[in-house]
PDB file of all heavy atoms in Angstrom:
ATOM      1  N   THR A   1       8.230  -3.444  -4.516  1.00  0.00           N
ATOM      2  CA  THR A   1       8.246  -2.047  -4.459  1.00  0.00           C
ATOM      3  C   THR A   1       7.491  -1.607  -3.272  1.00  0.00           C
ATOM      4  O   THR A   1       6.351  -2.103  -2.873  1.00  0.00           O
ATOM      5  CB  THR A   1       7.496  -1.488  -5.720  1.00  0.00           C
ATOM      6  OG1 THR A   1       8.159  -1.914  -6.873  1.00  0.00           O
ATOM      7  CG2 THR A   1       7.444   0.030  -5.756  1.00  0.00           C
ATOM      8  N   ASP A   2       8.050  -0.546  -2.570  1.00  0.00           N
ATOM      9  CA  ASP A   2       7.307   0.060  -1.442  1.00  0.00           C
ATOM     10  C   ASP A   2       6.597   1.302  -2.001  1.00  0.00           C
ATOM     11  O   ASP A   2       7.163   2.013  -2.776  1.00  0.00           O
ATOM     12  CB  ASP A   2       8.324   0.490  -0.370  1.00  0.00           C
ATOM     13  CG  ASP A   2       8.998  -0.607   0.334  1.00  0.00           C
ATOM     14  OD1 ASP A   2       8.488  -1.756   0.273  1.00  0.00           O
ATOM     15  OD2 ASP A   2      10.000  -0.342   1.012  1.00  0.00           O
ATOM     16  N   VAL A   3       5.352   1.357  -1.616  1.00  0.00           N
ATOM     17  CA  VAL A   3       4.557   2.501  -2.148  1.00  0.00           C
ATOM     18  C   VAL A   3       3.719   3.115  -1.022  1.00  0.00           C
ATOM     19  O   VAL A   3       3.137   2.548  -0.177  1.00  0.00           O
ATOM     20  CB  VAL A   3       3.465   1.914  -3.161  1.00  0.00           C
ATOM     21  CG1 VAL A   3       2.629   2.983  -3.754  1.00  0.00           C
ATOM     22  CG2 VAL A   3       4.104   1.018  -4.228  1.00  0.00           C
ATOM     23  N   VAL A   4       3.730   4.512  -1.095  1.00  0.00           N
ATOM     24  CA  VAL A   4       3.009   5.346  -0.205  1.00  0.00           C
ATOM     25  C   VAL A   4       2.163   6.307  -1.109  1.00  0.00           C
ATOM     26  O   VAL A   4       2.722   7.053  -1.794  1.00  0.00           O
ATOM     27  CB  VAL A   4       3.868   6.160   0.766  1.00  0.00           C
ATOM     28  CG1 VAL A   4       2.992   6.992   1.650  1.00  0.00           C
ATOM     29  CG2 VAL A   4       4.754   5.197   1.578  1.00  0.00           C
ATOM     30  N   HIS A   5       0.796   6.157  -1.027  1.00  0.00           N
ATOM     31  CA  HIS A   5      -0.042   6.966  -1.864  1.00  0.00           C
ATOM     32  C   HIS A   5      -0.821   7.889  -0.864  1.00  0.00           C
ATOM     33  O   HIS A   5      -1.609   7.381  -0.153  1.00  0.00           O
ATOM     34  CB  HIS A   5      -0.940   6.179  -2.694  1.00  0.00           C
ATOM     35  CG  HIS A   5      -1.776   6.986  -3.662  1.00  0.00           C
ATOM     36  ND1 HIS A   5      -2.903   6.486  -4.279  1.00  0.00           N
ATOM     37  CD2 HIS A   5      -1.665   8.290  -4.163  1.00  0.00           C
ATOM     38  CE1 HIS A   5      -3.447   7.368  -5.113  1.00  0.00           C
ATOM     39  NE2 HIS A   5      -2.619   8.549  -4.992  1.00  0.00           N
ATOM     40  N   VAL A   6      -0.533   9.156  -0.956  1.00  0.00           N
ATOM     41  CA  VAL A   6      -1.095  10.154   0.093  1.00  0.00           C
ATOM     42  C   VAL A   6      -2.146  10.921  -0.676  1.00  0.00           C
ATOM     43  O   VAL A   6      -1.860  11.734  -1.594  1.00  0.00           O
ATOM     44  CB  VAL A   6      -0.062  10.995   0.664  1.00  0.00           C
ATOM     45  CG1 VAL A   6      -0.668  11.977   1.577  1.00  0.00           C
ATOM     46  CG2 VAL A   6       1.057  10.180   1.379  1.00  0.00           C
ATOM     47  N   ARG A   7      -3.438  10.717  -0.280  1.00  0.00           N
ATOM     48  CA  ARG A   7      -4.432  11.518  -0.844  1.00  0.00           C
ATOM     49  C   ARG A   7      -4.920  12.642   0.177  1.00  0.00           C
ATOM     50  O   ARG A   7      -5.524  13.557  -0.149  1.00  0.00           O
ATOM     51  CB  ARG A   7      -5.654  10.632  -1.238  1.00  0.00           C
ATOM     52  CG  ARG A   7      -5.339   9.670  -2.376  1.00  0.00           C
ATOM     53  CD  ARG A   7      -6.484   8.705  -2.604  1.00  0.00           C
ATOM     54  NE  ARG A   7      -6.781   7.825  -1.519  1.00  0.00           N
ATOM     55  CZ  ARG A   7      -6.222   6.665  -1.302  1.00  0.00           C
ATOM     56  NH1 ARG A   7      -5.359   6.155  -2.117  1.00  0.00           N
ATOM     57  NH2 ARG A   7      -6.511   5.909  -0.253  1.00  0.00           N
ATOM     58  N   GLY A   8      -4.544  12.418   1.376  1.00  0.00           N
ATOM     59  CA  GLY A   8      -4.833  13.352   2.484  1.00  0.00           C
ATOM     60  C   GLY A   8      -4.229  12.883   3.816  1.00  0.00           C
ATOM     61  O   GLY A   8      -3.774  11.737   3.808  1.00  0.00           O
ATOM     62  N   GLU A   9      -4.246  13.671   4.798  1.00  0.00           N
ATOM     63  CA  GLU A   9      -3.649  13.318   6.076  1.00  0.00           C
ATOM     64  C   GLU A   9      -4.242  12.060   6.697  1.00  0.00           C
ATOM     65  O   GLU A   9      -3.562  11.255   7.306  1.00  0.00           O
ATOM     66  CB  GLU A   9      -3.885  14.509   7.126  1.00  0.00           C
ATOM     67  CG  GLU A   9      -3.340  14.284   8.422  1.00  0.00           C
ATOM     68  CD  GLU A   9      -1.882  14.689   8.499  1.00  0.00           C
ATOM     69  OE1 GLU A   9      -1.423  15.492   7.710  1.00  0.00           O
ATOM     70  OE2 GLU A   9      -1.167  14.126   9.421  1.00  0.00           O
ATOM     71  N   GLU A  10      -5.489  11.773   6.422  1.00  0.00           N
ATOM     72  CA  GLU A  10      -6.175  10.654   6.893  1.00  0.00           C
ATOM     73  C   GLU A  10      -6.668   9.666   5.757  1.00  0.00           C
ATOM     74  O   GLU A  10      -7.441   8.754   6.034  1.00  0.00           O
ATOM     75  CB  GLU A  10      -7.308  11.029   7.829  1.00  0.00           C
ATOM     76  CG  GLU A  10      -6.933  11.738   9.061  1.00  0.00           C
ATOM     77  CD  GLU A  10      -8.067  12.237   9.881  1.00  0.00           C
ATOM     78  OE1 GLU A  10      -9.195  11.760   9.718  1.00  0.00           O
ATOM     79  OE2 GLU A  10      -7.745  12.874  10.880  1.00  0.00           O
ATOM     80  N   ASP A  11      -6.091   9.862   4.558  1.00  0.00           N
ATOM     81  CA  ASP A  11      -6.509   9.110   3.393  1.00  0.00           C
ATOM     82  C   ASP A  11      -5.270   8.741   2.667  1.00  0.00           C
ATOM     83  O   ASP A  11      -4.804   9.448   1.811  1.00  0.00           O
ATOM     84  CB  ASP A  11      -7.490   9.924   2.522  1.00  0.00           C
ATOM     85  CG  ASP A  11      -8.054   9.134   1.323  1.00  0.00           C
ATOM     86  OD1 ASP A  11      -7.871   7.912   1.304  1.00  0.00           O
ATOM     87  OD2 ASP A  11      -8.781   9.842   0.527  1.00  0.00           O
ATOM     88  N   PHE A  12      -4.765   7.528   2.979  1.00  0.00           N
ATOM     89  CA  PHE A  12      -3.453   7.077   2.402  1.00  0.00           C
ATOM     90  C   PHE A  12      -3.422   5.577   2.247  1.00  0.00           C
ATOM     91  O   PHE A  12      -4.262   4.840   2.958  1.00  0.00           O
ATOM     92  CB  PHE A  12      -2.298   7.612   3.360  1.00  0.00           C
ATOM     93  CG  PHE A  12      -2.459   7.193   4.751  1.00  0.00           C
ATOM     94  CD1 PHE A  12      -2.004   5.944   5.150  1.00  0.00           C
ATOM     95  CD2 PHE A  12      -3.068   8.072   5.587  1.00  0.00           C
ATOM     96  CE1 PHE A  12      -2.110   5.475   6.472  1.00  0.00           C
ATOM     97  CE2 PHE A  12      -3.222   7.559   6.962  1.00  0.00           C
ATOM     98  CZ  PHE A  12      -2.731   6.366   7.365  1.00  0.00           C
ATOM     99  N   VAL A  13      -2.544   5.039   1.457  1.00  0.00           N
ATOM    100  CA  VAL A  13      -2.259   3.700   1.378  1.00  0.00           C
ATOM    101  C   VAL A  13      -0.754   3.552   1.497  1.00  0.00           C
ATOM    102  O   VAL A  13       0.038   4.188   0.839  1.00  0.00           O
ATOM    103  CB  VAL A  13      -2.704   3.081   0.044  1.00  0.00           C
ATOM    104  CG1 VAL A  13      -2.229   1.639  -0.141  1.00  0.00           C
ATOM    105  CG2 VAL A  13      -4.149   3.213  -0.204  1.00  0.00           C
ATOM    106  N   VAL A  14      -0.258   2.609   2.372  1.00  0.00           N
ATOM    107  CA  VAL A  14       1.126   2.341   2.704  1.00  0.00           C
ATOM    108  C   VAL A  14       1.306   0.856   2.488  1.00  0.00           C
ATOM    109  O   VAL A  14       0.673   0.114   3.266  1.00  0.00           O
ATOM    110  CB  VAL A  14       1.591   2.843   4.051  1.00  0.00           C
ATOM    111  CG1 VAL A  14       3.040   2.478   4.291  1.00  0.00           C
ATOM    112  CG2 VAL A  14       1.391   4.357   4.153  1.00  0.00           C
ATOM    113  N   ARG A  15       2.180   0.376   1.536  1.00  0.00           N
ATOM    114  CA  ARG A  15       2.232  -1.049   1.361  1.00  0.00           C
ATOM    115  C   ARG A  15       3.605  -1.423   0.666  1.00  0.00           C
ATOM    116  O   ARG A  15       4.260  -0.570   0.031  1.00  0.00           O
ATOM    117  CB  ARG A  15       1.103  -1.617   0.606  1.00  0.00           C
ATOM    118  CG  ARG A  15       1.020  -1.192  -0.813  1.00  0.00           C
ATOM    119  CD  ARG A  15      -0.033  -2.028  -1.589  1.00  0.00           C
ATOM    120  NE  ARG A  15      -1.237  -2.305  -0.753  1.00  0.00           N
ATOM    121  CZ  ARG A  15      -2.208  -2.981  -1.230  1.00  0.00           C
ATOM    122  NH1 ARG A  15      -2.174  -3.560  -2.410  1.00  0.00           N
ATOM    123  NH2 ARG A  15      -3.198  -3.384  -0.409  1.00  0.00           N
ATOM    124  N   ARG A  16       3.894  -2.722   0.813  1.00  0.00           N
ATOM    125  CA  ARG A  16       4.980  -3.281  -0.034  1.00  0.00           C
ATOM    126  C   ARG A  16       4.313  -4.241  -0.973  1.00  0.00           C
ATOM    127  O   ARG A  16       3.419  -5.063  -0.511  1.00  0.00           O
ATOM    128  CB  ARG A  16       6.037  -4.074   0.842  1.00  0.00           C
ATOM    129  CG  ARG A  16       7.088  -4.749  -0.070  1.00  0.00           C
ATOM    130  CD  ARG A  16       8.276  -5.176   0.794  1.00  0.00           C
ATOM    131  NE  ARG A  16       9.074  -4.061   1.256  1.00  0.00           N
ATOM    132  CZ  ARG A  16      10.009  -4.117   2.167  1.00  0.00           C
ATOM    133  NH1 ARG A  16      10.294  -5.311   2.711  1.00  0.00           N
ATOM    134  NH2 ARG A  16      10.730  -3.032   2.485  1.00  0.00           N
ATOM    135  N   ALA A  17       4.550  -4.225  -2.164  1.00  0.00           N
ATOM    136  CA  ALA A  17       3.903  -4.969  -3.125  1.00  0.00           C
ATOM    137  C   ALA A  17       4.945  -5.746  -4.070  1.00  0.00           C
ATOM    138  O   ALA A  17       5.999  -5.386  -4.232  1.00  0.00           O
ATOM    139  CB  ALA A  17       3.054  -4.061  -4.083  1.00  0.00           C
ATOM    140  N   ARG A  18       4.453  -6.815  -4.627  1.00  0.00           N
ATOM    141  CA  ARG A  18       5.212  -7.569  -5.569  1.00  0.00           C
ATOM    142  C   ARG A  18       5.130  -6.878  -6.924  1.00  0.00           C
ATOM    143  O   ARG A  18       4.094  -6.729  -7.425  1.00  0.00           O
ATOM    144  CB  ARG A  18       4.706  -9.042  -5.784  1.00  0.00           C
ATOM    145  CG  ARG A  18       4.972  -9.914  -4.537  1.00  0.00           C
ATOM    146  CD  ARG A  18       4.742 -11.321  -4.880  1.00  0.00           C
ATOM    147  NE  ARG A  18       5.749 -11.813  -5.780  1.00  0.00           N
ATOM    148  CZ  ARG A  18       6.908 -12.344  -5.432  1.00  0.00           C
ATOM    149  NH1 ARG A  18       7.212 -12.387  -4.186  1.00  0.00           N
ATOM    150  NH2 ARG A  18       7.774 -12.669  -6.377  1.00  0.00           N
ATOM    151  N   ALA A  19       6.215  -6.368  -7.387  1.00  0.00           N
ATOM    152  CA  ALA A  19       6.301  -5.673  -8.656  1.00  0.00           C
ATOM    153  C   ALA A  19       6.099  -6.763  -9.790  1.00  0.00           C
ATOM    154  O   ALA A  19       5.644  -6.317 -10.945  1.00  0.00           O
ATOM    155  CB  ALA A  19       7.573  -4.921  -8.774  1.00  0.00           C
ATOM    156  N   ASP A  20       6.394  -7.965  -9.544  1.00  0.00           N
ATOM    157  CA  ASP A  20       6.293  -8.996 -10.576  1.00  0.00           C
ATOM    158  C   ASP A  20       5.105  -9.914 -10.254  1.00  0.00           C
ATOM    159  O   ASP A  20       5.007 -10.984 -10.716  1.00  0.00           O
ATOM    160  CB  ASP A  20       7.625  -9.767 -10.583  1.00  0.00           C
ATOM    161  CG  ASP A  20       7.780 -10.675  -9.362  1.00  0.00           C
ATOM    162  OD1 ASP A  20       7.175 -10.365  -8.358  1.00  0.00           O
ATOM    163  OD2 ASP A  20       8.747 -11.530  -9.375  1.00  0.00           O
ATOM    164  N   GLY A  21       4.163  -9.305  -9.487  1.00  0.00           N
ATOM    165  CA  GLY A  21       2.951 -10.119  -9.067  1.00  0.00           C
ATOM    166  C   GLY A  21       2.036 -10.385 -10.194  1.00  0.00           C
ATOM    167  O   GLY A  21       2.199 -10.026 -11.384  1.00  0.00           O
ATOM    168  N   PRO A  22       0.933 -11.032  -9.955  1.00  0.00           N
ATOM    169  CA  PRO A  22      -0.050 -11.552 -10.966  1.00  0.00           C
ATOM    170  C   PRO A  22      -0.856 -10.414 -11.560  1.00  0.00           C
ATOM    171  O   PRO A  22      -1.451 -10.628 -12.568  1.00  0.00           O
ATOM    172  CB  PRO A  22      -0.953 -12.522 -10.170  1.00  0.00           C
ATOM    173  CG  PRO A  22      -0.822 -12.060  -8.781  1.00  0.00           C
ATOM    174  CD  PRO A  22       0.493 -11.535  -8.545  1.00  0.00           C
ATOM    175  N   ASN A  23      -0.817  -9.212 -10.993  1.00  0.00           N
ATOM    176  CA  ASN A  23      -1.621  -8.100 -11.493  1.00  0.00           C
ATOM    177  C   ASN A  23      -0.683  -6.966 -11.735  1.00  0.00           C
ATOM    178  O   ASN A  23       0.198  -6.644 -11.026  1.00  0.00           O
ATOM    179  CB  ASN A  23      -2.699  -7.665 -10.496  1.00  0.00           C
ATOM    180  CG  ASN A  23      -3.774  -6.782 -10.973  1.00  0.00           C
ATOM    181  OD1 ASN A  23      -3.337  -5.766 -11.589  1.00  0.00           O
ATOM    182  ND2 ASN A  23      -5.036  -7.107 -10.864  1.00  0.00           N
ATOM    183  N   ASN A  24      -0.914  -6.234 -12.842  1.00  0.00           N
ATOM    184  CA  ASN A  24       0.052  -5.147 -13.207  1.00  0.00           C
ATOM    185  C   ASN A  24      -0.212  -3.915 -12.403  1.00  0.00           C
ATOM    186  O   ASN A  24       0.445  -2.889 -12.506  1.00  0.00           O
ATOM    187  CB  ASN A  24       0.030  -4.862 -14.699  1.00  0.00           C
ATOM    188  CG  ASN A  24      -1.331  -4.286 -15.236  1.00  0.00           C
ATOM    189  OD1 ASN A  24      -2.313  -4.247 -14.439  1.00  0.00           O
ATOM    190  ND2 ASN A  24      -1.380  -4.095 -16.452  1.00  0.00           N
ATOM    191  N   ASP A  25      -1.201  -3.861 -11.520  1.00  0.00           N
ATOM    192  CA  ASP A  25      -1.545  -2.845 -10.540  1.00  0.00           C
ATOM    193  C   ASP A  25      -0.849  -3.063  -9.259  1.00  0.00           C
ATOM    194  O   ASP A  25      -1.183  -3.982  -8.565  1.00  0.00           O
ATOM    195  CB  ASP A  25      -3.026  -2.682 -10.479  1.00  0.00           C
ATOM    196  CG  ASP A  25      -3.432  -1.588  -9.494  1.00  0.00           C
ATOM    197  OD1 ASP A  25      -2.593  -0.916  -8.912  1.00  0.00           O
ATOM    198  OD2 ASP A  25      -4.710  -1.412  -9.384  1.00  0.00           O
ATOM    199  N   LEU A  26       0.102  -2.209  -8.850  1.00  0.00           N
ATOM    200  CA  LEU A  26       0.741  -2.402  -7.581  1.00  0.00           C
ATOM    201  C   LEU A  26      -0.115  -2.410  -6.371  1.00  0.00           C
ATOM    202  O   LEU A  26       0.108  -3.027  -5.391  1.00  0.00           O
ATOM    203  CB  LEU A  26       1.828  -1.276  -7.324  1.00  0.00           C
ATOM    204  CG  LEU A  26       3.102  -1.412  -8.119  1.00  0.00           C
ATOM    205  CD1 LEU A  26       3.900  -0.113  -7.805  1.00  0.00           C
ATOM    206  CD2 LEU A  26       3.859  -2.638  -7.712  1.00  0.00           C
ATOM    207  N   PHE A  27      -1.354  -1.793  -6.468  1.00  0.00           N
ATOM    208  CA  PHE A  27      -2.265  -1.707  -5.460  1.00  0.00           C
ATOM    209  C   PHE A  27      -3.296  -2.856  -5.396  1.00  0.00           C
ATOM    210  O   PHE A  27      -4.107  -2.961  -4.516  1.00  0.00           O
ATOM    211  CB  PHE A  27      -3.076  -0.372  -5.463  1.00  0.00           C
ATOM    212  CG  PHE A  27      -2.177   0.845  -5.241  1.00  0.00           C
ATOM    213  CD1 PHE A  27      -1.723   1.611  -6.301  1.00  0.00           C
ATOM    214  CD2 PHE A  27      -1.756   1.184  -3.951  1.00  0.00           C
ATOM    215  CE1 PHE A  27      -0.806   2.639  -6.067  1.00  0.00           C
ATOM    216  CE2 PHE A  27      -0.881   2.262  -3.748  1.00  0.00           C
ATOM    217  CZ  PHE A  27      -0.450   2.970  -4.780  1.00  0.00           C
ATOM    218  N   ALA A  28      -3.094  -3.797  -6.379  1.00  0.00           N
ATOM    219  CA  ALA A  28      -4.086  -4.929  -6.450  1.00  0.00           C
ATOM    220  C   ALA A  28      -3.798  -5.744  -5.244  1.00  0.00           C
ATOM    221  O   ALA A  28      -2.594  -5.919  -4.757  1.00  0.00           O
ATOM    222  CB  ALA A  28      -3.815  -5.690  -7.707  1.00  0.00           C
ATOM    223  N   GLU A  29      -4.851  -6.303  -4.652  1.00  0.00           N
ATOM    224  CA  GLU A  29      -4.671  -7.175  -3.465  1.00  0.00           C
ATOM    225  C   GLU A  29      -3.763  -8.340  -3.647  1.00  0.00           C
ATOM    226  O   GLU A  29      -3.038  -8.792  -2.813  1.00  0.00           O
ATOM    227  CB  GLU A  29      -6.132  -7.640  -2.980  1.00  0.00           C
ATOM    228  CG  GLU A  29      -6.085  -8.255  -1.556  1.00  0.00           C
ATOM    229  CD  GLU A  29      -5.568  -7.364  -0.436  1.00  0.00           C
ATOM    230  OE1 GLU A  29      -5.610  -6.128  -0.536  1.00  0.00           O
ATOM    231  OE2 GLU A  29      -4.982  -7.923   0.486  1.00  0.00           O
ATOM    232  N   ALA A  30      -3.826  -8.888  -4.862  1.00  0.00           N
ATOM    233  CA  ALA A  30      -2.928 -10.099  -5.201  1.00  0.00           C
ATOM    234  C   ALA A  30      -1.538  -9.796  -5.130  1.00  0.00           C
ATOM    235  O   ALA A  30      -0.697 -10.691  -4.956  1.00  0.00           O
ATOM    236  CB  ALA A  30      -3.418 -10.548  -6.647  1.00  0.00           C
ATOM    237  N   ASN A  31      -1.054  -8.542  -5.243  1.00  0.00           N
ATOM    238  CA  ASN A  31       0.317  -8.127  -5.203  1.00  0.00           C
ATOM    239  C   ASN A  31       0.731  -7.730  -3.878  1.00  0.00           C
ATOM    240  O   ASN A  31       1.960  -7.520  -3.606  1.00  0.00           O
ATOM    241  CB  ASN A  31       0.615  -7.029  -6.215  1.00  0.00           C
ATOM    242  CG  ASN A  31       0.327  -7.494  -7.650  1.00  0.00           C
ATOM    243  OD1 ASN A  31       0.389  -8.637  -7.964  1.00  0.00           O
ATOM    244  ND2 ASN A  31       0.114  -6.480  -8.494  1.00  0.00           N
ATOM    245  N   ARG A  32      -0.235  -7.588  -2.873  1.00  0.00           N
ATOM    246  CA  ARG A  32       0.168  -7.093  -1.601  1.00  0.00           C
ATOM    247  C   ARG A  32       1.056  -8.091  -0.840  1.00  0.00           C
ATOM    248  O   ARG A  32       0.626  -9.210  -0.637  1.00  0.00           O
ATOM    249  CB  ARG A  32      -1.034  -6.751  -0.768  1.00  0.00           C
ATOM    250  CG  ARG A  32      -0.806  -6.121   0.632  1.00  0.00           C
ATOM    251  CD  ARG A  32      -1.965  -5.750   1.387  1.00  0.00           C
ATOM    252  NE  ARG A  32      -2.946  -6.851   1.594  1.00  0.00           N
ATOM    253  CZ  ARG A  32      -2.834  -7.690   2.637  1.00  0.00           C
ATOM    254  NH1 ARG A  32      -1.932  -7.631   3.512  1.00  0.00           N
ATOM    255  NH2 ARG A  32      -3.711  -8.685   2.695  1.00  0.00           N
ATOM    256  N   VAL A  33       2.170  -7.637  -0.295  1.00  0.00           N
ATOM    257  CA  VAL A  33       3.093  -8.444   0.604  1.00  0.00           C
ATOM    258  C   VAL A  33       2.857  -7.975   2.052  1.00  0.00           C
ATOM    259  O   VAL A  33       2.744  -8.829   2.891  1.00  0.00           O
ATOM    260  CB  VAL A  33       4.503  -8.227   0.161  1.00  0.00           C
ATOM    261  CG1 VAL A  33       5.453  -9.024   1.126  1.00  0.00           C
ATOM    262  CG2 VAL A  33       4.694  -8.788  -1.188  1.00  0.00           C
ATOM    263  N   TRP A  34       2.728  -6.637   2.237  1.00  0.00           N
ATOM    264  CA  TRP A  34       2.588  -6.174   3.596  1.00  0.00           C
ATOM    265  C   TRP A  34       1.793  -4.836   3.347  1.00  0.00           C
ATOM    266  O   TRP A  34       1.973  -4.088   2.410  1.00  0.00           O
ATOM    267  CB  TRP A  34       3.898  -5.780   4.200  1.00  0.00           C
ATOM    268  CG  TRP A  34       3.789  -5.041   5.451  1.00  0.00           C
ATOM    269  CD1 TRP A  34       3.679  -5.579   6.708  1.00  0.00           C
ATOM    270  CD2 TRP A  34       3.755  -3.644   5.713  1.00  0.00           C
ATOM    271  NE1 TRP A  34       3.609  -4.606   7.640  1.00  0.00           N
ATOM    272  CE2 TRP A  34       3.607  -3.427   6.979  1.00  0.00           C
ATOM    273  CE3 TRP A  34       3.804  -2.516   4.768  1.00  0.00           C
ATOM    274  CZ2 TRP A  34       3.564  -2.127   7.484  1.00  0.00           C
ATOM    275  CZ3 TRP A  34       3.784  -1.292   5.366  1.00  0.00           C
ATOM    276  CH2 TRP A  34       3.548  -1.012   6.627  1.00  0.00           C
ATOM    277  N   SER A  35       0.928  -4.437   4.289  1.00  0.00           N
ATOM    278  CA  SER A  35       0.327  -3.107   4.332  1.00  0.00           C
ATOM    279  C   SER A  35       0.117  -2.668   5.726  1.00  0.00           C
ATOM    280  O   SER A  35       0.021  -3.447   6.659  1.00  0.00           O
ATOM    281  CB  SER A  35      -0.971  -3.038   3.510  1.00  0.00           C
ATOM    282  OG  SER A  35      -1.887  -3.906   4.150  1.00  0.00           O
ATOM    283  N   SER A  36       0.136  -1.374   5.900  1.00  0.00           N
ATOM    284  CA  SER A  36      -0.055  -0.804   7.342  1.00  0.00           C
ATOM    285  C   SER A  36      -1.374  -1.273   7.852  1.00  0.00           C
ATOM    286  O   SER A  36      -2.331  -1.531   7.185  1.00  0.00           O
ATOM    287  CB  SER A  36       0.121   0.665   7.275  1.00  0.00           C
ATOM    288  OG  SER A  36      -0.916   1.224   6.426  1.00  0.00           O
ATOM    289  N   ALA A  37      -1.499  -1.247   9.167  1.00  0.00           N
ATOM    290  CA  ALA A  37      -2.632  -1.713   9.862  1.00  0.00           C
ATOM    291  C   ALA A  37      -3.699  -0.586   9.809  1.00  0.00           C
ATOM    292  O   ALA A  37      -3.384   0.529   9.652  1.00  0.00           O
ATOM    293  CB  ALA A  37      -2.299  -1.946  11.333  1.00  0.00           C
ATOM    294  N   ASP A  38      -4.953  -1.022   9.861  1.00  0.00           N
ATOM    295  CA  ASP A  38      -6.076  -0.070   9.905  1.00  0.00           C
ATOM    296  C   ASP A  38      -6.057   0.780  11.125  1.00  0.00           C
ATOM    297  O   ASP A  38      -5.587   0.221  12.221  1.00  0.00           O
ATOM    298  CB  ASP A  38      -7.363  -0.786   9.786  1.00  0.00           C
ATOM    299  CG  ASP A  38      -7.634  -1.421   8.507  1.00  0.00           C
ATOM    300  OD1 ASP A  38      -7.079  -0.973   7.421  1.00  0.00           O
ATOM    301  OD2 ASP A  38      -8.454  -2.340   8.425  1.00  0.00           O
ATOM    302  N   GLY A  39      -6.383   2.003  11.052  1.00  0.00           N
ATOM    303  CA  GLY A  39      -6.516   2.862  12.296  1.00  0.00           C
ATOM    304  C   GLY A  39      -5.228   3.553  12.617  1.00  0.00           C
ATOM    305  O   GLY A  39      -5.232   4.252  13.592  1.00  0.00           O
ATOM    306  N   VAL A  40      -4.092   3.319  11.916  1.00  0.00           N
ATOM    307  CA  VAL A  40      -2.880   3.990  12.316  1.00  0.00           C
ATOM    308  C   VAL A  40      -2.815   5.350  11.590  1.00  0.00           C
ATOM    309  O   VAL A  40      -3.499   5.596  10.626  1.00  0.00           O
ATOM    310  CB  VAL A  40      -1.620   3.243  11.951  1.00  0.00           C
ATOM    311  CG1 VAL A  40      -1.664   1.871  12.747  1.00  0.00           C
ATOM    312  CG2 VAL A  40      -1.546   2.924  10.447  1.00  0.00           C
ATOM    313  N   THR A  41      -2.057   6.246  12.004  1.00  0.00           N
ATOM    314  CA  THR A  41      -1.829   7.579  11.367  1.00  0.00           C
ATOM    315  C   THR A  41      -0.851   7.456  10.206  1.00  0.00           C
ATOM    316  O   THR A  41      -0.199   6.431  10.133  1.00  0.00           O
ATOM    317  CB  THR A  41      -1.261   8.605  12.315  1.00  0.00           C
ATOM    318  OG1 THR A  41       0.069   8.132  12.769  1.00  0.00           O
ATOM    319  CG2 THR A  41      -2.078   8.724  13.638  1.00  0.00           C
ATOM    320  N   LEU A  42      -0.778   8.414   9.401  1.00  0.00           N
ATOM    321  CA  LEU A  42       0.126   8.377   8.243  1.00  0.00           C
ATOM    322  C   LEU A  42       1.626   8.153   8.732  1.00  0.00           C
ATOM    323  O   LEU A  42       2.335   7.391   8.310  1.00  0.00           O
ATOM    324  CB  LEU A  42      -0.003   9.637   7.458  1.00  0.00           C
ATOM    325  CG  LEU A  42       1.013   9.773   6.298  1.00  0.00           C
ATOM    326  CD1 LEU A  42       0.861   8.596   5.248  1.00  0.00           C
ATOM    327  CD2 LEU A  42       0.735  11.160   5.584  1.00  0.00           C
ATOM    328  N   ALA A  43       1.953   8.912   9.858  1.00  0.00           N
ATOM    329  CA  ALA A  43       3.269   8.857  10.365  1.00  0.00           C
ATOM    330  C   ALA A  43       3.546   7.492  10.978  1.00  0.00           C
ATOM    331  O   ALA A  43       4.603   6.910  10.668  1.00  0.00           O
ATOM    332  CB  ALA A  43       3.422   9.908  11.484  1.00  0.00           C
ATOM    333  N   GLU A  44       2.663   6.904  11.633  1.00  0.00           N
ATOM    334  CA  GLU A  44       2.802   5.426  12.145  1.00  0.00           C
ATOM    335  C   GLU A  44       2.953   4.487  10.926  1.00  0.00           C
ATOM    336  O   GLU A  44       3.833   3.593  11.091  1.00  0.00           O
ATOM    337  CB  GLU A  44       1.625   5.075  13.046  1.00  0.00           C
ATOM    338  CG  GLU A  44       1.618   5.847  14.296  1.00  0.00           C
ATOM    339  CD  GLU A  44       0.224   5.715  15.063  1.00  0.00           C
ATOM    340  OE1 GLU A  44      -0.781   5.344  14.474  1.00  0.00           O
ATOM    341  OE2 GLU A  44       0.271   5.940  16.310  1.00  0.00           O
TER     342      GLU A  44
END
């Protein structure tokens, strides 16, 4: 699952996660497959 959680212009999480991963929370580190780099803008 691709997930974008926007809390604000500079407060967001963008990632691809394993929906069938070891944790039922998509935002759990164990489920992370890819996430955006630190320091990038929301658009980037």
